[in-house]
Amino acid sequence: MNVLIAPLYVVTGVLFLAGMAKLFTPYATATALRTIGIPKPLLAARTLGLSEVVLCAIAVISGNAVAWLIVAATYAAFTVFVLWALQSDAAIGSCGCFGQEDTPPTPGHAAFNAAAAAIAALAVFDPVALSSLDGPVIELLMLAILVATGVALSVAALTILPRNAAIAAGTVVDQAQPFRMKSGPVT
């Protein structure tokens, strides 16, 4: 079994869930896209989400090197966006990745995206397809559990952890302007 399979499927699973979130709750992503001047941001958010879902399905099922290259490029673009959001004067309370209004961009998010881009880029040179999985059923079951756990922990690290850190630091989402962060005691 290819050593890239578990980490590759974890980062692909995270991208798939982010795409689903953009499809069903695109408003935080639309706000982030509006901040950078994307026209029709709601349509763009849903289109981005659908593209992510389709891309992940194609990459995992086919194992096509071009699909893995696009996954890598997608994560690289997200890395650039998160780094821009961290350095920008624009008030971005959410990067919009998971459809949540109060998930701020963080250095950890940028690092995750960069690592995911690198993992997907490695698959360009050693493509991995779902059909290539073989072995005892117990191994495949353990792989599925490992990937599901990795996806869940990654999403939690990108969403719950930054929110809790913001609360602990006394920074909360401004309810009057839900996409802007404000400082002050949590009430």
Protein backbone atom coordinates (compact mmCIF):
# COMPACT_ATOMS: atom_id res chain seq x y z
CA MET A 1 0.00 0.00 0.00
CA ASN A 2 1.30 3.46 -0.92
CA VAL A 3 2.45 5.43 2.14
CA LEU A 4 0.72 8.54 0.78
CA ILE A 5 -2.76 7.04 0.89
CA ALA A 6 -3.78 7.97 4.45
CA PRO A 7 -2.48 11.57 4.50
CA LEU A 8 -3.63 12.12 0.93
CA TYR A 9 -7.15 10.90 1.66
CA VAL A 10 -7.23 12.98 4.86
CA VAL A 11 -6.45 16.24 3.04
CA THR A 12 -8.83 15.26 0.24
CA GLY A 13 -11.54 14.50 2.80
CA VAL A 14 -11.05 17.90 4.42
CA LEU A 15 -11.33 19.59 1.02
CA PHE A 16 -14.45 17.54 0.24
CA LEU A 17 -16.13 18.58 3.52
CA ALA A 18 -15.16 22.21 2.94
CA GLY A 19 -16.72 21.99 -0.52
CA MET A 20 -19.92 20.54 0.91
CA ALA A 21 -20.05 23.33 3.49
CA LYS A 22 -19.68 25.94 0.75
CA LEU A 23 -22.51 24.33 -1.18
CA PHE A 24 -24.96 24.27 1.72
CA THR A 25 -23.83 27.29 3.79
CA PRO A 26 -21.99 29.58 1.36
CA TYR A 27 -22.48 32.88 3.20
CA ALA A 28 -19.20 33.04 5.14
CA THR A 29 -17.27 32.11 1.99
CA ALA A 30 -19.24 34.68 -0.02
CA THR A 31 -18.32 37.36 2.50
CA ALA A 32 -14.64 36.43 2.29
CA LEU A 33 -14.83 36.46 -1.53
CA ARG A 34 -16.59 39.84 -1.49
CA THR A 35 -13.70 41.19 0.60
CA ILE A 36 -11.27 40.44 -2.22
CA GLY A 37 -13.57 41.86 -4.88
CA ILE A 38 -15.03 38.71 -6.44
CA PRO A 39 -18.23 39.59 -8.32
CA LYS A 40 -21.39 37.61 -7.46
CA PRO A 41 -19.71 36.13 -4.37
CA LEU A 42 -22.62 33.87 -3.39
CA LEU A 43 -22.60 32.18 -6.79
CA ALA A 44 -18.80 32.05 -6.69
CA ALA A 45 -18.87 30.42 -3.23
CA ARG A 46 -21.29 27.73 -4.35
CA THR A 47 -19.35 27.16 -7.58
CA LEU A 48 -16.14 26.84 -5.58
CA GLY A 49 -17.80 24.34 -3.27
CA LEU A 50 -19.14 22.24 -6.12
CA SER A 51 -15.73 22.33 -7.82
CA GLU A 52 -14.05 21.09 -4.65
CA VAL A 53 -16.51 18.22 -4.23
CA VAL A 54 -16.20 17.11 -7.88
CA LEU A 55 -12.41 17.52 -7.86
CA CYS A 56 -12.05 15.36 -4.75
CA ALA A 57 -14.26 12.63 -6.20
CA ILE A 58 -12.32 12.59 -9.47
CA ALA A 59 -8.94 12.58 -7.73
CA VAL A 60 -9.79 9.78 -5.30
CA ILE A 61 -11.64 7.57 -7.77
CA SER A 62 -9.37 7.99 -10.78
CA GLY A 63 -6.03 8.70 -9.15
CA ASN A 64 -5.30 10.91 -12.15
CA ALA A 65 -2.06 12.90 -11.75
CA VAL A 66 -3.69 16.03 -13.21
CA ALA A 67 -6.49 15.82 -10.63
CA TRP A 68 -3.93 15.57 -7.82
CA LEU A 69 -2.09 18.54 -9.34
CA ILE A 70 -5.32 20.57 -9.23
CA VAL A 71 -5.89 19.51 -5.60
CA ALA A 72 -2.35 20.71 -4.82
CA ALA A 73 -2.93 23.99 -6.67
CA THR A 74 -6.23 24.49 -4.85
CA TYR A 75 -4.59 24.09 -1.47
CA ALA A 76 -1.72 26.36 -2.57
CA ALA A 77 -4.26 29.04 -3.55
CA PHE A 78 -5.99 28.65 -0.18
CA THR A 79 -2.60 29.03 1.53
CA VAL A 80 -2.04 32.31 -0.30
CA PHE A 81 -5.54 33.53 0.60
CA VAL A 82 -5.14 32.72 4.30
CA LEU A 83 -1.70 34.38 4.40
CA TRP A 84 -3.18 37.44 2.66
CA ALA A 85 -6.06 37.51 5.14
CA LEU A 86 -3.62 37.37 8.04
CA GLN A 87 -1.57 40.29 6.66
CA SER A 88 -4.47 42.34 5.28
CA ASP A 89 -6.13 45.33 6.87
CA ALA A 90 -9.45 43.92 5.67
CA ALA A 91 -11.57 42.71 8.56
CA ILE A 92 -11.95 39.02 7.78
CA GLY A 93 -13.55 37.21 10.69
CA SER A 94 -13.82 34.01 8.66
CA CYS A 95 -11.93 32.53 5.77
CA GLY A 96 -15.19 30.83 4.85
CA CYS A 97 -13.63 27.41 4.38
CA PHE A 98 -16.22 25.46 6.34
CA GLY A 99 -19.24 27.72 6.00
CA GLN A 100 -18.90 29.08 9.53
CA GLU A 101 -18.99 32.78 10.27
CA ASP A 102 -16.60 32.71 13.20
CA THR A 103 -13.69 30.64 11.95
CA PRO A 104 -10.87 33.17 11.67
CA PRO A 105 -7.88 32.61 9.40
CA THR A 106 -4.89 31.51 11.47
CA PRO A 107 -1.22 30.68 10.89
CA GLY A 108 -2.11 27.06 11.65
CA HIS A 109 -4.68 27.11 8.86
CA ALA A 110 -2.06 28.44 6.44
CA ALA A 111 0.36 25.73 7.58
CA PHE A 112 -2.26 23.00 7.13
CA ASN A 113 -3.06 24.26 3.62
CA ALA A 114 0.63 24.38 2.68
CA ALA A 115 1.20 20.85 4.01
CA ALA A 116 -1.91 19.61 2.16
CA ALA A 117 -0.63 21.19 -1.06
CA ALA A 118 2.70 19.40 -0.61
CA ILE A 119 1.02 16.04 0.08
CA ALA A 120 -1.21 16.38 -3.00
CA ALA A 121 1.80 17.45 -5.09
CA LEU A 122 3.59 14.23 -4.11
CA ALA A 123 0.64 12.27 -5.48
CA VAL A 124 1.27 13.84 -8.89
CA PHE A 125 4.48 11.80 -9.07
CA ASP A 126 3.02 8.68 -7.47
CA PRO A 127 -0.72 8.79 -8.25
CA VAL A 128 -3.03 7.00 -5.87
CA ALA A 129 -6.43 5.68 -6.97
CA LEU A 130 -9.16 4.13 -4.88
CA SER A 131 -9.08 1.06 -7.14
CA SER A 132 -5.43 0.48 -6.22
CA LEU A 133 -6.36 -0.33 -2.64
CA ASP A 134 -5.98 -4.00 -2.01
CA GLY A 135 -5.20 -6.14 0.94
CA PRO A 136 -7.04 -7.79 3.76
CA VAL A 137 -10.39 -6.28 4.68
CA ILE A 138 -9.12 -5.49 8.17
CA GLU A 139 -6.34 -3.31 6.69
CA LEU A 140 -8.83 -1.44 4.51
CA LEU A 141 -11.15 -0.98 7.48
CA MET A 142 -8.28 0.36 9.61
CA LEU A 143 -7.33 2.73 6.78
CA ALA A 144 -10.92 4.00 6.59
CA ILE A 145 -10.99 4.57 10.36
CA LEU A 146 -7.61 6.31 10.25
CA VAL A 147 -8.69 8.60 7.41
CA ALA A 148 -12.05 9.43 9.05
CA THR A 149 -10.30 10.23 12.32
CA GLY A 150 -7.70 12.35 10.54
CA VAL A 151 -10.38 14.30 8.68
CA ALA A 152 -12.39 14.89 11.86
CA LEU A 153 -9.34 16.03 13.82
CA SER A 154 -8.16 18.26 10.98
CA VAL A 155 -11.54 19.96 10.65
CA ALA A 156 -11.69 20.43 14.42
CA ALA A 157 -8.18 21.92 14.41
CA LEU A 158 -9.20 24.35 11.66
CA THR A 159 -12.57 25.36 13.14
CA ILE A 160 -13.12 24.63 16.82
CA LEU A 161 -9.58 25.28 18.02
CA PRO A 162 -9.29 28.82 16.53
CA ARG A 163 -12.76 29.76 17.85
CA ASN A 164 -11.89 28.57 21.34
CA ALA A 165 -8.53 30.34 21.18
CA ALA A 166 -10.29 33.57 20.15
CA ILE A 167 -12.71 33.23 23.06
CA ALA A 168 -9.86 32.56 25.48
CA ALA A 169 -8.02 35.62 24.16
CA GLY A 170 -11.13 37.75 24.64
CA THR A 171 -11.80 38.16 20.92
CA VAL A 172 -15.31 37.27 19.86
CA VAL A 173 -17.39 37.62 16.76
CA ASP A 174 -19.26 40.93 16.68
CA GLN A 175 -22.93 39.92 16.53
CA ALA A 176 -23.90 43.25 14.91
CA GLN A 177 -21.41 42.63 12.10
CA PRO A 178 -20.93 38.86 12.13
CA PHE A 179 -17.97 38.86 9.76
CA ARG A 180 -15.86 41.28 11.78
CA MET A 181 -13.93 40.37 14.88
CA LYS A 182 -13.91 42.63 17.90
CA SER A 183 -11.72 42.68 20.94
CA GLY A 184 -12.97 42.87 24.46
CA PRO A 185 -14.18 40.68 27.25
CA VAL A 186 -16.45 37.82 26.36
CA THR A 187 -19.93 38.48 27.69
